[in-house]
Amino acid sequence: MGKKIRNGCIDIGDTTMYYVSFGTGSKNMVVLPGLSDGLSTVKGKALLLSTPYKKFMKDYTIYMFSRKNNMPQGYSIKNMADDQVEVLNKLGITKTAVLGVSQGGMIAQCIAIYHPEIVERLILAVTAPNANEVVKDAVSGWIKMALENDHVRLMVDTAEKMYSDKYLLKNRKLFPLLARFTKPKNYDRFLKNARAILEFDVINDLSRISAPTYIIAGSDDKTVGNDAAALLHKNIAGSKLYIYEGLGHGAFEEAGDFYERAFTSH
């Protein structure tokens, strides 16, 4: 059948949700991206986004979703999870592994807590079970920069809080240049996503997660802090934890074996 790669869009309520999918395997993997989805959706990017997943396309059909296009004020992480499950049901996905990265990991936690029947396996990457002080400091700063329309500063600060010192030393000069190509028409979507993070807290519900859970973190995460992964591990029964030494919030980009680890963890 070949390695099917496609762009998709599905109706949900009074709006739509973009997604991309790749692969022809019998197993499903749902990927939920982080706050960057508030700046740019996956629309039309299937070929570009498929690159890290190529070696898994024979065994898996992989779906990556954006948040829905029209988000109401006060839209919460739990709302995002409920809507995600509604879309999965519409696509006929009744059982799947779920890989959530950063804010996507927060949504994934809610799916596993409130819709356990759909989650075959849970992979939580560089994420947290609540808006701890590190999260609040980072996200509040980004909200302020967005409100001030300071896109270069927003992108540079995001990068500084994301990548390892080694990566920053090599690429720091590129960030202001790249920022010019990533500015959205407005920050409404970004702000709604960001504000949802500040209200997020499922620490007292983590014990309800029954799916086999694998937690991946960096040892120096300036976005969600270094205690978040341990807190997840402590409160999710039977979970496994892997920490990339020397990496931070961008471990999913910097670690060469990240996707191998995510797809083969049990």
C-alpha atoms as a PDB file:
ATOM      1  CA  MET A   1       0.000   0.000   0.000  1.00  0.00           C
ATOM      2  CA  GLY A   2       2.975   2.329   0.448  1.00  0.00           C
ATOM      3  CA  LYS A   3       3.458   4.955   3.104  1.00  0.00           C
ATOM      4  CA  LYS A   4       0.221   6.871   2.986  1.00  0.00           C
ATOM      5  CA  ILE A   5       0.657  10.518   3.963  1.00  0.00           C
ATOM      6  CA  ARG A   6      -2.356  12.799   4.034  1.00  0.00           C
ATOM      7  CA  ASN A   7      -3.792  16.069   5.301  1.00  0.00           C
ATOM      8  CA  GLY A   8      -7.222  16.024   6.898  1.00  0.00           C
ATOM      9  CA  CYS A   9      -9.909  18.231   8.362  1.00  0.00           C
ATOM     10  CA  ILE A  10     -12.927  17.107  10.372  1.00  0.00           C
ATOM     11  CA  ASP A  11     -16.050  18.884  11.585  1.00  0.00           C
ATOM     12  CA  ILE A  12     -16.542  19.298  15.318  1.00  0.00           C
ATOM     13  CA  GLY A  13     -19.489  21.283  16.605  1.00  0.00           C
ATOM     14  CA  ASP A  14     -19.589  24.666  14.861  1.00  0.00           C
ATOM     15  CA  THR A  15     -15.967  24.476  13.722  1.00  0.00           C
ATOM     16  CA  THR A  16     -13.297  22.158  12.327  1.00  0.00           C
ATOM     17  CA  MET A  17     -10.078  20.492  13.424  1.00  0.00           C
ATOM     18  CA  TYR A  18      -7.030  19.962  11.224  1.00  0.00           C
ATOM     19  CA  TYR A  19      -4.979  16.800  11.382  1.00  0.00           C
ATOM     20  CA  VAL A  20      -2.333  14.942   9.423  1.00  0.00           C
ATOM     21  CA  SER A  21      -1.816  11.221   9.216  1.00  0.00           C
ATOM     22  CA  PHE A  22       0.927   8.969   7.976  1.00  0.00           C
ATOM     23  CA  GLY A  23       1.490   5.256   7.777  1.00  0.00           C
ATOM     24  CA  THR A  24      -0.535   2.153   6.993  1.00  0.00           C
ATOM     25  CA  GLY A  25       0.061   0.033  10.089  1.00  0.00           C
ATOM     26  CA  SER A  26      -2.635  -1.733  12.097  1.00  0.00           C
ATOM     27  CA  LYS A  27      -1.668   0.024  15.351  1.00  0.00           C
ATOM     28  CA  ASN A  28      -2.714   3.611  16.016  1.00  0.00           C
ATOM     29  CA  MET A  29      -0.619   6.415  17.506  1.00  0.00           C
ATOM     30  CA  VAL A  30      -2.139   9.814  18.237  1.00  0.00           C
ATOM     31  CA  VAL A  31       0.333  12.694  18.621  1.00  0.00           C
ATOM     32  CA  LEU A  32      -0.677  15.901  20.402  1.00  0.00           C
ATOM     33  CA  PRO A  33       1.735  18.845  19.956  1.00  0.00           C
ATOM     34  CA  GLY A  34       2.514  21.620  22.411  1.00  0.00           C
ATOM     35  CA  LEU A  35       1.741  25.323  22.682  1.00  0.00           C
ATOM     36  CA  SER A  36       3.344  26.047  19.301  1.00  0.00           C
ATOM     37  CA  ASP A  37       0.048  24.805  17.854  1.00  0.00           C
ATOM     38  CA  GLY A  38      -1.374  28.115  19.050  1.00  0.00           C
ATOM     39  CA  LEU A  39       0.837  29.889  16.523  1.00  0.00           C
ATOM     40  CA  SER A  40       0.596  27.510  13.581  1.00  0.00           C
ATOM     41  CA  THR A  41      -1.608  24.458  12.994  1.00  0.00           C
ATOM     42  CA  VAL A  42      -0.691  21.233  11.196  1.00  0.00           C
ATOM     43  CA  LYS A  43      -2.805  22.255   8.172  1.00  0.00           C
ATOM     44  CA  GLY A  44      -1.163  21.109   4.936  1.00  0.00           C
ATOM     45  CA  LYS A  45       2.031  19.964   6.632  1.00  0.00           C
ATOM     46  CA  ALA A  46       1.680  16.182   6.468  1.00  0.00           C
ATOM     47  CA  LEU A  47       4.758  15.624   4.321  1.00  0.00           C
ATOM     48  CA  LEU A  48       6.909  17.928   6.442  1.00  0.00           C
ATOM     49  CA  LEU A  49       5.718  16.525   9.772  1.00  0.00           C
ATOM     50  CA  SER A  50       6.028  12.871   8.707  1.00  0.00           C
ATOM     51  CA  THR A  51       9.845  12.860   8.688  1.00  0.00           C
ATOM     52  CA  PRO A  52      10.523  11.631  12.259  1.00  0.00           C
ATOM     53  CA  TYR A  53       7.907   8.887  11.906  1.00  0.00           C
ATOM     54  CA  LYS A  54       9.017   7.222   8.680  1.00  0.00           C
ATOM     55  CA  LYS A  55      10.468   4.099  10.268  1.00  0.00           C
ATOM     56  CA  PHE A  56       7.209   3.443  12.151  1.00  0.00           C
ATOM     57  CA  MET A  57       4.799   3.839   9.231  1.00  0.00           C
ATOM     58  CA  LYS A  58       4.683   0.131   8.432  1.00  0.00           C
ATOM     59  CA  ASP A  59       3.469  -0.860  11.879  1.00  0.00           C
ATOM     60  CA  TYR A  60       1.496   2.250  12.787  1.00  0.00           C
ATOM     61  CA  THR A  61      -1.024   4.666  11.406  1.00  0.00           C
ATOM     62  CA  ILE A  62      -0.033   7.929  13.048  1.00  0.00           C
ATOM     63  CA  TYR A  63      -2.360  10.891  13.528  1.00  0.00           C
ATOM     64  CA  MET A  64      -1.233  14.356  14.631  1.00  0.00           C
ATOM     65  CA  PHE A  65      -3.956  16.808  15.610  1.00  0.00           C
ATOM     66  CA  SER A  66      -4.190  20.545  16.086  1.00  0.00           C
ATOM     67  CA  ARG A  67      -6.648  22.037  18.566  1.00  0.00           C
ATOM     68  CA  LYS A  68      -9.951  22.910  16.927  1.00  0.00           C
ATOM     69  CA  ASN A  69     -10.042  26.102  14.901  1.00  0.00           C
ATOM     70  CA  ASN A  70     -12.672  28.090  16.781  1.00  0.00           C
ATOM     71  CA  MET A  71     -11.922  27.920  20.489  1.00  0.00           C
ATOM     72  CA  PRO A  72     -14.298  29.668  22.906  1.00  0.00           C
ATOM     73  CA  GLN A  73     -13.109  31.932  25.701  1.00  0.00           C
ATOM     74  CA  GLY A  74     -12.181  29.918  28.793  1.00  0.00           C
ATOM     75  CA  TYR A  75     -11.485  26.807  26.717  1.00  0.00           C
ATOM     76  CA  SER A  76      -9.793  24.402  29.141  1.00  0.00           C
ATOM     77  CA  ILE A  77      -7.339  21.537  28.764  1.00  0.00           C
ATOM     78  CA  LYS A  78     -10.163  19.150  29.709  1.00  0.00           C
ATOM     79  CA  ASN A  79     -12.356  20.711  26.992  1.00  0.00           C
ATOM     80  CA  MET A  80      -9.513  20.075  24.530  1.00  0.00           C
ATOM     81  CA  ALA A  81      -9.327  16.440  25.651  1.00  0.00           C
ATOM     82  CA  ASP A  82     -13.091  15.918  25.353  1.00  0.00           C
ATOM     83  CA  ASP A  83     -13.106  17.425  21.863  1.00  0.00           C
ATOM     84  CA  GLN A  84     -10.125  15.309  20.862  1.00  0.00           C
ATOM     85  CA  VAL A  85     -11.918  12.130  21.886  1.00  0.00           C
ATOM     86  CA  GLU A  86     -15.029  13.218  19.968  1.00  0.00           C
ATOM     87  CA  VAL A  87     -12.898  13.600  16.840  1.00  0.00           C
ATOM     88  CA  LEU A  88     -11.186  10.247  17.401  1.00  0.00           C
ATOM     89  CA  ASN A  89     -14.598   8.592  17.625  1.00  0.00           C
ATOM     90  CA  LYS A  90     -15.652  10.285  14.375  1.00  0.00           C
ATOM     91  CA  LEU A  91     -12.545   8.865  12.710  1.00  0.00           C
ATOM     92  CA  GLY A  92     -13.330   5.397  14.040  1.00  0.00           C
ATOM     93  CA  ILE A  93     -10.328   5.335  16.378  1.00  0.00           C
ATOM     94  CA  THR A  94     -11.559   3.453  19.428  1.00  0.00           C
ATOM     95  CA  LYS A  95      -8.196   2.364  20.856  1.00  0.00           C
ATOM     96  CA  THR A  96      -4.850   4.084  20.432  1.00  0.00           C
ATOM     97  CA  ALA A  97      -1.485   4.886  21.906  1.00  0.00           C
ATOM     98  CA  VAL A  98      -1.288   8.596  22.775  1.00  0.00           C
ATOM     99  CA  LEU A  99       1.914  10.649  22.662  1.00  0.00           C
ATOM    100  CA  GLY A 100       1.481  14.069  24.232  1.00  0.00           C
ATOM    101  CA  VAL A 101       4.275  16.636  24.101  1.00  0.00           C
ATOM    102  CA  SER A 102       4.293  19.606  26.524  1.00  0.00           C
ATOM    103  CA  GLN A 103       0.761  21.085  26.440  1.00  0.00           C
ATOM    104  CA  GLY A 104      -0.178  18.074  24.337  1.00  0.00           C
ATOM    105  CA  GLY A 105       0.928  15.963  27.301  1.00  0.00           C
ATOM    106  CA  MET A 106      -1.524  17.840  29.500  1.00  0.00           C
ATOM    107  CA  ILE A 107      -4.326  17.057  27.062  1.00  0.00           C
ATOM    108  CA  ALA A 108      -3.149  13.431  26.947  1.00  0.00           C
ATOM    109  CA  GLN A 109      -3.349  13.218  30.746  1.00  0.00           C
ATOM    110  CA  CYS A 110      -6.970  14.375  30.623  1.00  0.00           C
ATOM    111  CA  ILE A 111      -7.805  11.856  27.911  1.00  0.00           C
ATOM    112  CA  ALA A 112      -6.318   9.059  30.025  1.00  0.00           C
ATOM    113  CA  ILE A 113      -8.145  10.259  33.155  1.00  0.00           C
ATOM    114  CA  TYR A 114     -11.589  10.974  31.696  1.00  0.00           C
ATOM    115  CA  HIS A 115     -11.638   8.635  28.680  1.00  0.00           C
ATOM    116  CA  PRO A 116      -9.532   5.640  29.799  1.00  0.00           C
ATOM    117  CA  GLU A 117     -11.254   3.244  27.426  1.00  0.00           C
ATOM    118  CA  ILE A 118      -9.583   4.814  24.376  1.00  0.00           C
ATOM    119  CA  VAL A 119      -5.970   4.870  25.647  1.00  0.00           C
ATOM    120  CA  GLU A 120      -3.964   1.745  24.945  1.00  0.00           C
ATOM    121  CA  ARG A 121      -0.650   3.277  25.998  1.00  0.00           C
ATOM    122  CA  LEU A 122       0.296   6.753  27.218  1.00  0.00           C
ATOM    123  CA  ILE A 123       3.558   8.570  26.473  1.00  0.00           C
ATOM    124  CA  LEU A 124       3.995  11.871  28.307  1.00  0.00           C
ATOM    125  CA  ALA A 125       6.898  13.949  27.045  1.00  0.00           C
ATOM    126  CA  VAL A 126       8.326  17.112  28.649  1.00  0.00           C
ATOM    127  CA  THR A 127       5.041  17.860  30.383  1.00  0.00           C
ATOM    128  CA  ALA A 128       3.602  18.543  33.827  1.00  0.00           C
ATOM    129  CA  PRO A 129       0.483  17.623  35.833  1.00  0.00           C
ATOM    130  CA  ASN A 130      -0.183  21.240  36.783  1.00  0.00           C
ATOM    131  CA  ALA A 131       0.846  24.828  36.210  1.00  0.00           C
ATOM    132  CA  ASN A 132       3.759  24.858  38.636  1.00  0.00           C
ATOM    133  CA  GLU A 133       5.797  27.988  39.312  1.00  0.00           C
ATOM    134  CA  VAL A 134       8.191  27.350  36.403  1.00  0.00           C
ATOM    135  CA  VAL A 135       5.263  26.847  34.020  1.00  0.00           C
ATOM    136  CA  LYS A 136       3.492  29.960  35.307  1.00  0.00           C
ATOM    137  CA  ASP A 137       6.606  32.093  34.938  1.00  0.00           C
ATOM    138  CA  ALA A 138       7.301  30.919  31.368  1.00  0.00           C
ATOM    139  CA  VAL A 139       3.726  31.010  30.062  1.00  0.00           C
ATOM    140  CA  SER A 140       2.799  34.296  31.751  1.00  0.00           C
ATOM    141  CA  GLY A 141       5.863  35.865  30.144  1.00  0.00           C
ATOM    142  CA  TRP A 142       4.847  34.580  26.715  1.00  0.00           C
ATOM    143  CA  ILE A 143       1.305  35.884  27.162  1.00  0.00           C
ATOM    144  CA  LYS A 144       2.723  39.322  27.982  1.00  0.00           C
ATOM    145  CA  MET A 145       4.969  39.264  24.895  1.00  0.00           C
ATOM    146  CA  ALA A 146       2.042  38.209  22.683  1.00  0.00           C
ATOM    147  CA  LEU A 147      -0.152  40.977  24.070  1.00  0.00           C
ATOM    148  CA  GLU A 148       2.667  43.435  23.315  1.00  0.00           C
ATOM    149  CA  ASN A 149       2.914  42.015  19.775  1.00  0.00           C
ATOM    150  CA  ASP A 150       6.627  41.345  20.351  1.00  0.00           C
ATOM    151  CA  HIS A 151       6.989  38.224  18.216  1.00  0.00           C
ATOM    152  CA  VAL A 152      10.774  38.186  17.999  1.00  0.00           C
ATOM    153  CA  ARG A 153      11.083  38.315  21.787  1.00  0.00           C
ATOM    154  CA  LEU A 154       8.417  35.604  22.124  1.00  0.00           C
ATOM    155  CA  MET A 155      10.240  33.262  19.768  1.00  0.00           C
ATOM    156  CA  VAL A 156      13.682  33.955  21.236  1.00  0.00           C
ATOM    157  CA  ASP A 157      12.473  33.438  24.812  1.00  0.00           C
ATOM    158  CA  THR A 158      10.685  30.218  23.837  1.00  0.00           C
ATOM    159  CA  ALA A 159      13.895  28.899  22.278  1.00  0.00           C
ATOM    160  CA  GLU A 160      16.019  29.936  25.273  1.00  0.00           C
ATOM    161  CA  LYS A 161      13.648  28.018  27.575  1.00  0.00           C
ATOM    162  CA  MET A 162      13.491  25.015  25.264  1.00  0.00           C
ATOM    163  CA  TYR A 163      16.919  23.986  24.036  1.00  0.00           C
ATOM    164  CA  SER A 164      20.136  22.744  25.620  1.00  0.00           C
ATOM    165  CA  ASP A 165      23.114  25.054  26.079  1.00  0.00           C
ATOM    166  CA  LYS A 166      24.963  23.188  23.331  1.00  0.00           C
ATOM    167  CA  TYR A 167      22.113  23.693  20.864  1.00  0.00           C
ATOM    168  CA  LEU A 168      21.692  27.341  21.832  1.00  0.00           C
ATOM    169  CA  LEU A 169      25.381  28.054  21.354  1.00  0.00           C
ATOM    170  CA  LYS A 170      25.169  26.721  17.816  1.00  0.00           C
ATOM    171  CA  ASN A 171      21.800  28.178  16.752  1.00  0.00           C
ATOM    172  CA  ARG A 172      21.041  31.235  18.914  1.00  0.00           C
ATOM    173  CA  LYS A 173      21.773  33.751  16.144  1.00  0.00           C
ATOM    174  CA  LEU A 174      19.122  32.162  13.906  1.00  0.00           C
ATOM    175  CA  PHE A 175      16.159  32.658  16.242  1.00  0.00           C
ATOM    176  CA  PRO A 176      15.425  36.342  15.492  1.00  0.00           C
ATOM    177  CA  LEU A 177      15.595  35.579  11.761  1.00  0.00           C
ATOM    178  CA  LEU A 178      13.298  32.551  12.001  1.00  0.00           C
ATOM    179  CA  ALA A 179      10.837  34.583  14.056  1.00  0.00           C
ATOM    180  CA  ARG A 180      10.046  36.703  10.998  1.00  0.00           C
ATOM    181  CA  PHE A 181       8.514  33.676   9.275  1.00  0.00           C
ATOM    182  CA  THR A 182       6.363  32.417  12.155  1.00  0.00           C
ATOM    183  CA  LYS A 183       4.263  35.420  13.173  1.00  0.00           C
ATOM    184  CA  PRO A 184       0.523  34.627  13.098  1.00  0.00           C
ATOM    185  CA  LYS A 185      -2.166  37.032  11.858  1.00  0.00           C
ATOM    186  CA  ASN A 186      -3.179  37.505  15.484  1.00  0.00           C
ATOM    187  CA  TYR A 187      -2.477  35.894  18.855  1.00  0.00           C
ATOM    188  CA  ASP A 188      -6.053  34.943  19.793  1.00  0.00           C
ATOM    189  CA  ARG A 189      -5.466  31.213  19.339  1.00  0.00           C
ATOM    190  CA  PHE A 190      -2.112  31.312  21.109  1.00  0.00           C
ATOM    191  CA  LEU A 191      -3.526  33.234  24.069  1.00  0.00           C
ATOM    192  CA  LYS A 192      -6.432  30.813  24.533  1.00  0.00           C
ATOM    193  CA  ASN A 193      -4.027  27.854  24.521  1.00  0.00           C
ATOM    194  CA  ALA A 194      -1.617  29.586  26.882  1.00  0.00           C
ATOM    195  CA  ARG A 195      -4.295  30.665  29.362  1.00  0.00           C
ATOM    196  CA  ALA A 196      -5.622  27.102  29.468  1.00  0.00           C
ATOM    197  CA  ILE A 197      -2.198  25.941  30.654  1.00  0.00           C
ATOM    198  CA  LEU A 198      -2.251  28.393  33.578  1.00  0.00           C
ATOM    199  CA  GLU A 199      -5.528  26.845  34.829  1.00  0.00           C
ATOM    200  CA  PHE A 200      -4.390  23.222  34.457  1.00  0.00           C
ATOM    201  CA  ASP A 201      -4.110  20.922  37.494  1.00  0.00           C
ATOM    202  CA  VAL A 202      -4.802  17.163  37.525  1.00  0.00           C
ATOM    203  CA  ILE A 203      -2.422  16.086  40.299  1.00  0.00           C
ATOM    204  CA  ASN A 204      -5.278  14.685  42.394  1.00  0.00           C
ATOM    205  CA  ASP A 205      -6.633  12.723  39.412  1.00  0.00           C
ATOM    206  CA  LEU A 206      -3.418  11.071  38.193  1.00  0.00           C
ATOM    207  CA  SER A 207      -4.212   7.942  40.225  1.00  0.00           C
ATOM    208  CA  ARG A 208      -7.115   7.348  37.822  1.00  0.00           C
ATOM    209  CA  ILE A 209      -4.728   6.745  34.915  1.00  0.00           C
ATOM    210  CA  SER A 210      -4.737   3.015  34.228  1.00  0.00           C
ATOM    211  CA  ALA A 211      -2.982   2.870  30.848  1.00  0.00           C
ATOM    212  CA  PRO A 212       0.673   1.780  30.749  1.00  0.00           C
ATOM    213  CA  THR A 213       2.499   5.114  30.980  1.00  0.00           C
ATOM    214  CA  TYR A 214       5.982   6.132  29.866  1.00  0.00           C
ATOM    215  CA  ILE A 215       7.271   9.541  30.931  1.00  0.00           C
ATOM    216  CA  ILE A 216      10.107  11.231  29.030  1.00  0.00           C
ATOM    217  CA  ALA A 217      11.841  14.374  30.288  1.00  0.00           C
ATOM    218  CA  GLY A 218      15.028  16.389  30.104  1.00  0.00           C
ATOM    219  CA  SER A 219      17.216  16.999  33.144  1.00  0.00           C
ATOM    220  CA  ASP A 220      17.202  20.769  32.591  1.00  0.00           C
ATOM    221  CA  ASP A 221      13.699  21.822  31.577  1.00  0.00           C
ATOM    222  CA  LYS A 222      13.234  25.588  31.822  1.00  0.00           C
ATOM    223  CA  THR A 223       9.616  25.417  30.618  1.00  0.00           C
ATOM    224  CA  VAL A 224       7.938  22.884  32.924  1.00  0.00           C
ATOM    225  CA  GLY A 225      10.694  22.548  35.536  1.00  0.00           C
ATOM    226  CA  ASN A 226      12.720  19.566  36.678  1.00  0.00           C
ATOM    227  CA  ASP A 227      10.252  18.240  39.275  1.00  0.00           C
ATOM    228  CA  ALA A 228       7.285  17.733  36.948  1.00  0.00           C
ATOM    229  CA  ALA A 229       8.337  14.354  35.528  1.00  0.00           C
ATOM    230  CA  ALA A 230       9.050  12.916  38.980  1.00  0.00           C
ATOM    231  CA  LEU A 231       5.628  14.110  40.168  1.00  0.00           C
ATOM    232  CA  LEU A 232       3.938  12.371  37.245  1.00  0.00           C
ATOM    233  CA  HIS A 233       5.939   9.210  37.872  1.00  0.00           C
ATOM    234  CA  LYS A 234       5.110   9.201  41.594  1.00  0.00           C
ATOM    235  CA  ASN A 235       1.375   9.587  41.042  1.00  0.00           C
ATOM    236  CA  ILE A 236       0.773   7.340  38.012  1.00  0.00           C
ATOM    237  CA  ALA A 237       0.863   3.735  39.193  1.00  0.00           C
ATOM    238  CA  GLY A 238       3.283   1.486  37.314  1.00  0.00           C
ATOM    239  CA  SER A 239       4.626   4.314  35.157  1.00  0.00           C
ATOM    240  CA  LYS A 240       8.157   4.298  33.803  1.00  0.00           C
ATOM    241  CA  LEU A 241      10.412   7.361  33.637  1.00  0.00           C
ATOM    242  CA  TYR A 242      13.306   8.212  31.355  1.00  0.00           C
ATOM    243  CA  ILE A 243      15.326  11.411  31.693  1.00  0.00           C
ATOM    244  CA  TYR A 244      17.680  12.744  29.034  1.00  0.00           C
ATOM    245  CA  GLU A 245      20.662  14.144  30.880  1.00  0.00           C
ATOM    246  CA  GLY A 246      21.770  17.550  29.615  1.00  0.00           C
ATOM    247  CA  LEU A 247      18.635  18.167  27.582  1.00  0.00           C
ATOM    248  CA  GLY A 248      15.624  20.313  28.372  1.00  0.00           C
ATOM    249  CA  HIS A 249      12.143  20.956  27.031  1.00  0.00           C
ATOM    250  CA  GLY A 250      13.316  20.361  23.457  1.00  0.00           C
ATOM    251  CA  ALA A 251      14.402  16.773  24.146  1.00  0.00           C
ATOM    252  CA  PHE A 252      11.893  15.552  21.546  1.00  0.00           C
ATOM    253  CA  GLU A 253      13.811  17.522  18.904  1.00  0.00           C
ATOM    254  CA  GLU A 254      17.365  17.115  20.165  1.00  0.00           C
ATOM    255  CA  ALA A 255      17.469  13.460  21.253  1.00  0.00           C
ATOM    256  CA  GLY A 256      18.151  11.202  18.283  1.00  0.00           C
ATOM    257  CA  ASP A 257      16.340   8.241  19.830  1.00  0.00           C
ATOM    258  CA  PHE A 258      13.279  10.107  21.160  1.00  0.00           C
ATOM    259  CA  TYR A 259      10.761   8.640  18.720  1.00  0.00           C
ATOM    260  CA  GLU A 260      12.262   5.165  18.929  1.00  0.00           C
ATOM    261  CA  ARG A 261      11.826   5.367  22.693  1.00  0.00           C
ATOM    262  CA  ALA A 262       8.276   6.721  22.443  1.00  0.00           C
ATOM    263  CA  PHE A 263       7.083   4.107  19.965  1.00  0.00           C
ATOM    264  CA  THR A 264       8.730   1.061  21.548  1.00  0.00           C
ATOM    265  CA  SER A 265       8.058   1.787  25.226  1.00  0.00           C
ATOM    266  CA  HIS A 266       5.806  -0.672  27.024  1.00  0.00           C
END
